[in-house]
Amino acid sequence: MSPHEDERRGRFSASSGNGGLRASITRRSFLAAAGVSASLLAVGGVGALTAHGEMLRPPGGQDERALLAGCTHCGRCVSACRTKAIGVASISDGLLEARTPVMRYSLGFCDFCGDCAEACPTGALRAFDVEAAQAGDVSACCVGKAKLDRATCLAWTSSSCNLCHEECPYDAIALNADGMPIVDEALCNGCGVCEYVCPVLSLRSYIGGTARAIAVEPVRAKEGEVS
C-alpha cells in the first residue's frame, strides 16, 4: 500500500464515528484544491487543462499522446541534452503539458545525439536511428520544419544576412535566384540551428520585436511512429 493510500485511509478512519463513515476535509487537501482552482483561474479556467498551441518536442517525442501518457516529469532528458536545447513547458502551456519537455531553440539546437531518448526511463521519448538522423535522414527522425517570416527576415527586408543558410548543417536553407534564403522542407529535420543563430530578435528587440525571423514548427507522428 502506498503512502498516499495510507494517508487517505487514515483520514477516513479518523473521521469515522458511531459506525458511520464520513470523510473529513483536511487543511492540506483544502489548500491543494484551492491551489488547483487558483491555477485554473489564473491561466484561463478549465481550458487550461489542454495546450494552447502545439509543443515542439525533443526527438523521439513527436507522438504527443504517447509522450503525455509516458512522461513522468523527471527532467532527465533536460539534464542529458548536451546542447542545452531542452526545457520544460510551463503551466500556461496547459496543465497536462506542464513540466513536459519542449525544445528551446533560443538556448541551443538539436544535434540528434539521442541522449535525451536514452535517458528517458519510460520510453515517452522513443529511441531512433541516431546515425541516420545525424546524416540528415528525415525519415529517421524529424522534430519539425523551419518556417521563415519574410516580413521580419533581415535578408528579405533590408540587409544581406544569410546566417541561417550558412549555418544549417543539412543544407535545408537554400538561396533563391535573388540570393534570399528559403526553406527546403524536404531536407529540414527541425534541428533548430537556423532559429538559434537568427539575429533578428536581438537586433529588433528595442523596437518591440519578440521573435526570430525563422522558427521551427512541430510535426506530429502517427501513433507508434518516431517521426
C-alpha atoms as a PDB file:
ATOM      1  CA  MET A   1       0.000   0.000   0.000  1.00  0.00           C
ATOM      2  CA  SER A   2       1.388   3.422  -0.980  1.00  0.00           C
ATOM      3  CA  PRO A   3       1.937   6.284   1.499  1.00  0.00           C
ATOM      4  CA  HIS A   4      -0.877   8.196  -0.193  1.00  0.00           C
ATOM      5  CA  GLU A   5      -3.270   5.282   0.334  1.00  0.00           C
ATOM      6  CA  ASP A   6      -2.173   5.052   3.983  1.00  0.00           C
ATOM      7  CA  GLU A   7      -2.816   8.753   4.474  1.00  0.00           C
ATOM      8  CA  ARG A   8      -6.169   8.577   2.717  1.00  0.00           C
ATOM      9  CA  ARG A   9      -7.259   5.533   4.719  1.00  0.00           C
ATOM     10  CA  GLY A  10      -6.088   7.203   7.922  1.00  0.00           C
ATOM     11  CA  ARG A  11      -8.209  10.265   7.302  1.00  0.00           C
ATOM     12  CA  PHE A  12     -11.316   8.208   6.662  1.00  0.00           C
ATOM     13  CA  SER A  13     -10.690   6.059   9.730  1.00  0.00           C
ATOM     14  CA  ALA A  14     -10.081   9.047  11.968  1.00  0.00           C
ATOM     15  CA  SER A  15     -13.302  10.689  10.861  1.00  0.00           C
ATOM     16  CA  SER A  16     -15.466   7.594  11.323  1.00  0.00           C
ATOM     17  CA  GLY A  17     -17.608   7.601  14.394  1.00  0.00           C
ATOM     18  CA  ASN A  18     -20.557   5.598  15.800  1.00  0.00           C
ATOM     19  CA  GLY A  19     -20.361   3.177  12.908  1.00  0.00           C
ATOM     20  CA  GLY A  20     -20.791   5.908  10.318  1.00  0.00           C
ATOM     21  CA  LEU A  21     -18.107   6.644   7.738  1.00  0.00           C
ATOM     22  CA  ARG A  22     -17.565  10.274   6.891  1.00  0.00           C
ATOM     23  CA  ALA A  23     -14.633  11.896   5.145  1.00  0.00           C
ATOM     24  CA  SER A  24     -13.025  14.919   6.730  1.00  0.00           C
ATOM     25  CA  ILE A  25     -11.583  17.645   4.577  1.00  0.00           C
ATOM     26  CA  THR A  26      -8.144  18.233   5.985  1.00  0.00           C
ATOM     27  CA  ARG A  27      -6.359  21.536   5.815  1.00  0.00           C
ATOM     28  CA  ARG A  28      -3.850  20.009   3.398  1.00  0.00           C
ATOM     29  CA  SER A  29      -6.467  18.759   0.954  1.00  0.00           C
ATOM     30  CA  PHE A  30      -8.317  22.068   1.155  1.00  0.00           C
ATOM     31  CA  LEU A  31      -5.179  24.032   0.346  1.00  0.00           C
ATOM     32  CA  ALA A  32      -4.337  21.646  -2.501  1.00  0.00           C
ATOM     33  CA  ALA A  33      -7.794  22.054  -4.011  1.00  0.00           C
ATOM     34  CA  ALA A  34      -7.605  25.813  -3.569  1.00  0.00           C
ATOM     35  CA  GLY A  35      -4.231  25.845  -5.283  1.00  0.00           C
ATOM     36  CA  VAL A  36      -5.511  23.930  -8.308  1.00  0.00           C
ATOM     37  CA  SER A  37      -8.541  26.200  -8.534  1.00  0.00           C
ATOM     38  CA  ALA A  38      -6.368  29.295  -8.334  1.00  0.00           C
ATOM     39  CA  SER A  39      -4.081  27.924 -11.030  1.00  0.00           C
ATOM     40  CA  LEU A  40      -7.015  27.228 -13.319  1.00  0.00           C
ATOM     41  CA  LEU A  41      -8.403  30.712 -12.810  1.00  0.00           C
ATOM     42  CA  ALA A  42      -5.009  32.303 -13.330  1.00  0.00           C
ATOM     43  CA  VAL A  43      -4.412  30.651 -16.691  1.00  0.00           C
ATOM     44  CA  GLY A  44      -7.895  30.628 -18.112  1.00  0.00           C
ATOM     45  CA  GLY A  45     -10.179  28.141 -16.393  1.00  0.00           C
ATOM     46  CA  VAL A  46     -10.754  24.535 -17.352  1.00  0.00           C
ATOM     47  CA  GLY A  47      -9.447  25.247 -20.836  1.00  0.00           C
ATOM     48  CA  ALA A  48      -6.005  25.419 -19.265  1.00  0.00           C
ATOM     49  CA  LEU A  49      -6.022  21.635 -18.984  1.00  0.00           C
ATOM     50  CA  THR A  50      -5.066  21.448 -22.620  1.00  0.00           C
ATOM     51  CA  ALA A  51      -2.312  23.140 -24.573  1.00  0.00           C
ATOM     52  CA  HIS A  52      -2.954  26.491 -26.238  1.00  0.00           C
ATOM     53  CA  GLY A  53      -0.683  25.518 -29.108  1.00  0.00           C
ATOM     54  CA  GLU A  54       1.374  22.615 -30.318  1.00  0.00           C
ATOM     55  CA  MET A  55       4.521  21.880 -28.358  1.00  0.00           C
ATOM     56  CA  LEU A  56       7.871  21.442 -30.116  1.00  0.00           C
ATOM     57  CA  ARG A  57       9.065  18.177 -28.616  1.00  0.00           C
ATOM     58  CA  PRO A  58      12.550  16.638 -28.406  1.00  0.00           C
ATOM     59  CA  PRO A  59      13.458  13.968 -30.967  1.00  0.00           C
ATOM     60  CA  GLY A  60      11.505  10.789 -30.367  1.00  0.00           C
ATOM     61  CA  GLY A  61       8.639  12.701 -28.756  1.00  0.00           C
ATOM     62  CA  GLN A  62       6.553  13.507 -31.805  1.00  0.00           C
ATOM     63  CA  ASP A  63       3.739  11.134 -30.793  1.00  0.00           C
ATOM     64  CA  GLU A  64       2.055  13.632 -28.469  1.00  0.00           C
ATOM     65  CA  ARG A  65      -0.363  11.190 -26.888  1.00  0.00           C
ATOM     66  CA  ALA A  66       2.382   8.710 -26.104  1.00  0.00           C
ATOM     67  CA  LEU A  67       4.597  11.440 -24.682  1.00  0.00           C
ATOM     68  CA  LEU A  68       1.912  12.822 -22.386  1.00  0.00           C
ATOM     69  CA  ALA A  69       0.955   9.323 -21.265  1.00  0.00           C
ATOM     70  CA  GLY A  70       4.516   8.254 -20.539  1.00  0.00           C
ATOM     71  CA  CYS A  71       6.270  11.390 -19.287  1.00  0.00           C
ATOM     72  CA  THR A  72       6.857  11.420 -15.521  1.00  0.00           C
ATOM     73  CA  HIS A  73       8.315  14.956 -15.488  1.00  0.00           C
ATOM     74  CA  CYS A  74      11.593  13.570 -14.179  1.00  0.00           C
ATOM     75  CA  GLY A  75      13.720  16.056 -16.115  1.00  0.00           C
ATOM     76  CA  ARG A  76      16.336  13.522 -17.164  1.00  0.00           C
ATOM     77  CA  CYS A  77      16.073  14.495 -20.814  1.00  0.00           C
ATOM     78  CA  VAL A  78      16.713  18.121 -19.867  1.00  0.00           C
ATOM     79  CA  SER A  79      19.841  17.158 -17.949  1.00  0.00           C
ATOM     80  CA  ALA A  80      21.020  14.834 -20.727  1.00  0.00           C
ATOM     81  CA  CYS A  81      20.822  17.429 -23.508  1.00  0.00           C
ATOM     82  CA  ARG A  82      24.402  18.343 -24.362  1.00  0.00           C
ATOM     83  CA  THR A  83      23.413  21.497 -26.260  1.00  0.00           C
ATOM     84  CA  LYS A  84      21.006  22.698 -23.550  1.00  0.00           C
ATOM     85  CA  ALA A  85      18.181  22.931 -26.076  1.00  0.00           C
ATOM     86  CA  ILE A  86      15.555  21.111 -23.989  1.00  0.00           C
ATOM     87  CA  GLY A  87      13.429  22.999 -21.498  1.00  0.00           C
ATOM     88  CA  VAL A  88      10.078  22.296 -19.887  1.00  0.00           C
ATOM     89  CA  ALA A  89       6.607  23.598 -20.620  1.00  0.00           C
ATOM     90  CA  SER A  90       5.018  25.918 -18.081  1.00  0.00           C
ATOM     91  CA  ILE A  91       1.555  25.794 -16.559  1.00  0.00           C
ATOM     92  CA  SER A  92       0.469  28.477 -19.025  1.00  0.00           C
ATOM     93  CA  ASP A  93       1.021  25.921 -21.796  1.00  0.00           C
ATOM     94  CA  GLY A  94      -1.660  23.697 -20.218  1.00  0.00           C
ATOM     95  CA  LEU A  95      -1.862  21.670 -17.021  1.00  0.00           C
ATOM     96  CA  LEU A  96      -1.386  18.389 -18.864  1.00  0.00           C
ATOM     97  CA  GLU A  97       1.664  19.754 -20.651  1.00  0.00           C
ATOM     98  CA  ALA A  98       3.269  21.496 -17.664  1.00  0.00           C
ATOM     99  CA  ARG A  99       6.770  20.196 -16.875  1.00  0.00           C
ATOM    100  CA  THR A 100       6.900  18.092 -20.051  1.00  0.00           C
ATOM    101  CA  PRO A 101       9.940  18.542 -22.326  1.00  0.00           C
ATOM    102  CA  VAL A 102       9.971  21.116 -25.109  1.00  0.00           C
ATOM    103  CA  MET A 103      12.677  22.387 -27.422  1.00  0.00           C
ATOM    104  CA  ARG A 104      14.017  25.862 -26.646  1.00  0.00           C
ATOM    105  CA  TYR A 105      15.987  26.902 -29.690  1.00  0.00           C
ATOM    106  CA  SER A 106      16.734  30.270 -28.159  1.00  0.00           C
ATOM    107  CA  LEU A 107      19.074  28.338 -25.849  1.00  0.00           C
ATOM    108  CA  GLY A 108      20.580  25.723 -28.149  1.00  0.00           C
ATOM    109  CA  PHE A 109      19.909  23.384 -31.069  1.00  0.00           C
ATOM    110  CA  CYS A 110      19.390  19.664 -31.618  1.00  0.00           C
ATOM    111  CA  ASP A 111      22.253  17.519 -32.927  1.00  0.00           C
ATOM    112  CA  PHE A 112      20.171  14.317 -32.792  1.00  0.00           C
ATOM    113  CA  CYS A 113      22.640  12.658 -30.431  1.00  0.00           C
ATOM    114  CA  GLY A 114      19.847  10.547 -28.927  1.00  0.00           C
ATOM    115  CA  ASP A 115      20.931  11.224 -25.336  1.00  0.00           C
ATOM    116  CA  CYS A 116      17.501  12.517 -24.333  1.00  0.00           C
ATOM    117  CA  ALA A 117      15.691   9.414 -25.597  1.00  0.00           C
ATOM    118  CA  GLU A 118      18.291   7.187 -23.976  1.00  0.00           C
ATOM    119  CA  ALA A 119      17.864   8.982 -20.646  1.00  0.00           C
ATOM    120  CA  CYS A 120      14.058   8.713 -20.703  1.00  0.00           C
ATOM    121  CA  PRO A 121      13.086   5.953 -18.229  1.00  0.00           C
ATOM    122  CA  THR A 122       9.603   5.342 -19.628  1.00  0.00           C
ATOM    123  CA  GLY A 123      10.027   5.487 -23.399  1.00  0.00           C
ATOM    124  CA  ALA A 124       7.991   8.690 -23.659  1.00  0.00           C
ATOM    125  CA  LEU A 125      10.870   9.811 -25.875  1.00  0.00           C
ATOM    126  CA  ARG A 126      11.329   6.936 -28.265  1.00  0.00           C
ATOM    127  CA  ALA A 127      14.682   5.681 -29.496  1.00  0.00           C
ATOM    128  CA  PHE A 128      15.587   6.452 -33.095  1.00  0.00           C
ATOM    129  CA  ASP A 129      18.411   5.737 -35.527  1.00  0.00           C
ATOM    130  CA  VAL A 130      20.943   8.325 -34.366  1.00  0.00           C
ATOM    131  CA  GLU A 131      23.412   7.757 -37.191  1.00  0.00           C
ATOM    132  CA  ALA A 132      20.738   8.130 -39.862  1.00  0.00           C
ATOM    133  CA  ALA A 133      19.218  11.185 -38.186  1.00  0.00           C
ATOM    134  CA  GLN A 134      22.587  12.910 -37.876  1.00  0.00           C
ATOM    135  CA  ALA A 135      23.211  12.188 -41.549  1.00  0.00           C
ATOM    136  CA  GLY A 136      20.064  14.146 -42.378  1.00  0.00           C
ATOM    137  CA  ASP A 137      17.611  11.306 -42.980  1.00  0.00           C
ATOM    138  CA  VAL A 138      14.313  12.975 -42.081  1.00  0.00           C
ATOM    139  CA  SER A 139      12.583   9.591 -42.095  1.00  0.00           C
ATOM    140  CA  ALA A 140      14.767   8.541 -39.154  1.00  0.00           C
ATOM    141  CA  CYS A 141      13.688  11.468 -37.003  1.00  0.00           C
ATOM    142  CA  CYS A 142      12.132  14.857 -37.655  1.00  0.00           C
ATOM    143  CA  VAL A 143      11.408  17.325 -34.865  1.00  0.00           C
ATOM    144  CA  GLY A 144       9.753  19.930 -37.050  1.00  0.00           C
ATOM    145  CA  LYS A 145      10.069  22.183 -40.074  1.00  0.00           C
ATOM    146  CA  ALA A 146      11.608  25.644 -40.172  1.00  0.00           C
ATOM    147  CA  LYS A 147       9.298  28.468 -41.215  1.00  0.00           C
ATOM    148  CA  LEU A 148      10.729  31.752 -42.464  1.00  0.00           C
ATOM    149  CA  ASP A 149       8.905  35.026 -41.861  1.00  0.00           C
ATOM    150  CA  ARG A 150       9.850  37.190 -44.815  1.00  0.00           C
ATOM    151  CA  ALA A 151       8.277  40.241 -43.191  1.00  0.00           C
ATOM    152  CA  THR A 152      10.870  40.250 -40.419  1.00  0.00           C
ATOM    153  CA  CYS A 153      13.813  38.452 -42.064  1.00  0.00           C
ATOM    154  CA  LEU A 154      16.759  40.825 -42.469  1.00  0.00           C
ATOM    155  CA  ALA A 155      17.713  39.338 -45.827  1.00  0.00           C
ATOM    156  CA  TRP A 156      14.217  39.837 -47.184  1.00  0.00           C
ATOM    157  CA  THR A 157      13.709  43.325 -45.760  1.00  0.00           C
ATOM    158  CA  SER A 158      16.926  45.264 -45.511  1.00  0.00           C
ATOM    159  CA  SER A 159      20.339  43.638 -45.385  1.00  0.00           C
ATOM    160  CA  SER A 160      22.309  40.695 -46.740  1.00  0.00           C
ATOM    161  CA  CYS A 161      22.112  38.429 -43.680  1.00  0.00           C
ATOM    162  CA  ASN A 162      22.381  34.771 -44.650  1.00  0.00           C
ATOM    163  CA  LEU A 163      23.311  33.235 -41.303  1.00  0.00           C
ATOM    164  CA  CYS A 164      20.606  30.573 -41.439  1.00  0.00           C
ATOM    165  CA  HIS A 165      21.818  29.462 -44.873  1.00  0.00           C
ATOM    166  CA  GLU A 166      25.454  29.464 -43.822  1.00  0.00           C
ATOM    167  CA  GLU A 167      24.961  27.595 -40.542  1.00  0.00           C
ATOM    168  CA  CYS A 168      22.385  24.934 -41.488  1.00  0.00           C
ATOM    169  CA  PRO A 169      24.201  21.589 -41.209  1.00  0.00           C
ATOM    170  CA  TYR A 170      21.741  19.846 -43.524  1.00  0.00           C
ATOM    171  CA  ASP A 171      21.630  22.343 -46.423  1.00  0.00           C
ATOM    172  CA  ALA A 172      17.934  22.835 -45.757  1.00  0.00           C
ATOM    173  CA  ILE A 173      18.185  26.620 -46.142  1.00  0.00           C
ATOM    174  CA  ALA A 174      18.833  27.422 -49.790  1.00  0.00           C
ATOM    175  CA  LEU A 175      19.159  30.753 -51.594  1.00  0.00           C
ATOM    176  CA  ASN A 176      16.798  31.670 -54.391  1.00  0.00           C
ATOM    177  CA  ALA A 177      17.821  33.381 -57.617  1.00  0.00           C
ATOM    178  CA  ASP A 178      17.887  36.729 -55.816  1.00  0.00           C
ATOM    179  CA  GLY A 179      20.080  35.415 -53.017  1.00  0.00           C
ATOM    180  CA  MET A 180      17.258  35.298 -50.486  1.00  0.00           C
ATOM    181  CA  PRO A 181      17.007  32.397 -48.009  1.00  0.00           C
ATOM    182  CA  ILE A 182      14.233  29.852 -48.474  1.00  0.00           C
ATOM    183  CA  VAL A 183      13.494  26.626 -46.599  1.00  0.00           C
ATOM    184  CA  ASP A 184      13.728  23.285 -48.354  1.00  0.00           C
ATOM    185  CA  GLU A 185      11.215  21.319 -46.289  1.00  0.00           C
ATOM    186  CA  ALA A 186      12.294  18.033 -47.837  1.00  0.00           C
ATOM    187  CA  LEU A 187      15.697  18.405 -46.186  1.00  0.00           C
ATOM    188  CA  CYS A 188      14.663  20.177 -42.975  1.00  0.00           C
ATOM    189  CA  ASN A 189      14.563  17.989 -39.861  1.00  0.00           C
ATOM    190  CA  GLY A 190      13.906  20.758 -37.365  1.00  0.00           C
ATOM    191  CA  CYS A 191      17.366  20.830 -35.789  1.00  0.00           C
ATOM    192  CA  GLY A 192      16.867  24.487 -34.887  1.00  0.00           C
ATOM    193  CA  VAL A 193      20.315  25.794 -35.826  1.00  0.00           C
ATOM    194  CA  CYS A 194      18.712  28.414 -38.072  1.00  0.00           C
ATOM    195  CA  GLU A 195      16.477  29.666 -35.269  1.00  0.00           C
ATOM    196  CA  TYR A 196      19.351  29.628 -32.793  1.00  0.00           C
ATOM    197  CA  VAL A 197      21.616  31.831 -34.941  1.00  0.00           C
ATOM    198  CA  CYS A 198      18.945  34.196 -36.305  1.00  0.00           C
ATOM    199  CA  PRO A 199      19.901  37.720 -35.142  1.00  0.00           C
ATOM    200  CA  VAL A 200      16.526  39.371 -35.666  1.00  0.00           C
ATOM    201  CA  LEU A 201      15.361  39.218 -32.052  1.00  0.00           C
ATOM    202  CA  SER A 202      18.483  40.837 -30.649  1.00  0.00           C
ATOM    203  CA  LEU A 203      18.569  43.482 -33.378  1.00  0.00           C
ATOM    204  CA  ARG A 204      14.893  44.400 -33.202  1.00  0.00           C
ATOM    205  CA  SER A 205      14.058  43.883 -29.537  1.00  0.00           C
ATOM    206  CA  TYR A 206      14.458  47.616 -28.958  1.00  0.00           C
ATOM    207  CA  ILE A 207      11.501  48.310 -31.252  1.00  0.00           C
ATOM    208  CA  GLY A 208       9.306  45.618 -29.761  1.00  0.00           C
ATOM    209  CA  GLY A 209      10.454  42.532 -31.625  1.00  0.00           C
ATOM    210  CA  THR A 210       9.638  39.341 -29.721  1.00  0.00           C
ATOM    211  CA  ALA A 211      10.594  36.558 -32.111  1.00  0.00           C
ATOM    212  CA  ARG A 212      13.233  35.436 -34.559  1.00  0.00           C
ATOM    213  CA  ALA A 213      12.554  35.599 -38.286  1.00  0.00           C
ATOM    214  CA  ILE A 214      12.848  31.842 -38.639  1.00  0.00           C
ATOM    215  CA  ALA A 215      11.396  29.305 -36.231  1.00  0.00           C
ATOM    216  CA  VAL A 216      10.831  25.574 -36.167  1.00  0.00           C
ATOM    217  CA  GLU A 217       7.231  24.419 -36.060  1.00  0.00           C
ATOM    218  CA  PRO A 218       6.405  20.923 -34.772  1.00  0.00           C
ATOM    219  CA  VAL A 219       5.475  17.909 -36.827  1.00  0.00           C
ATOM    220  CA  ARG A 220       3.396  15.142 -35.358  1.00  0.00           C
ATOM    221  CA  ALA A 221       3.980  11.451 -35.861  1.00  0.00           C
ATOM    222  CA  LYS A 222       1.232   8.942 -36.285  1.00  0.00           C
ATOM    223  CA  GLU A 223       0.671   6.819 -33.214  1.00  0.00           C
ATOM    224  CA  GLY A 224       3.521   4.353 -32.843  1.00  0.00           C
ATOM    225  CA  GLU A 225       5.915   6.186 -35.166  1.00  0.00           C
ATOM    226  CA  VAL A 226       9.019   8.098 -34.136  1.00  0.00           C
ATOM    227  CA  SER A 227       8.535  10.877 -36.656  1.00  0.00           C
END
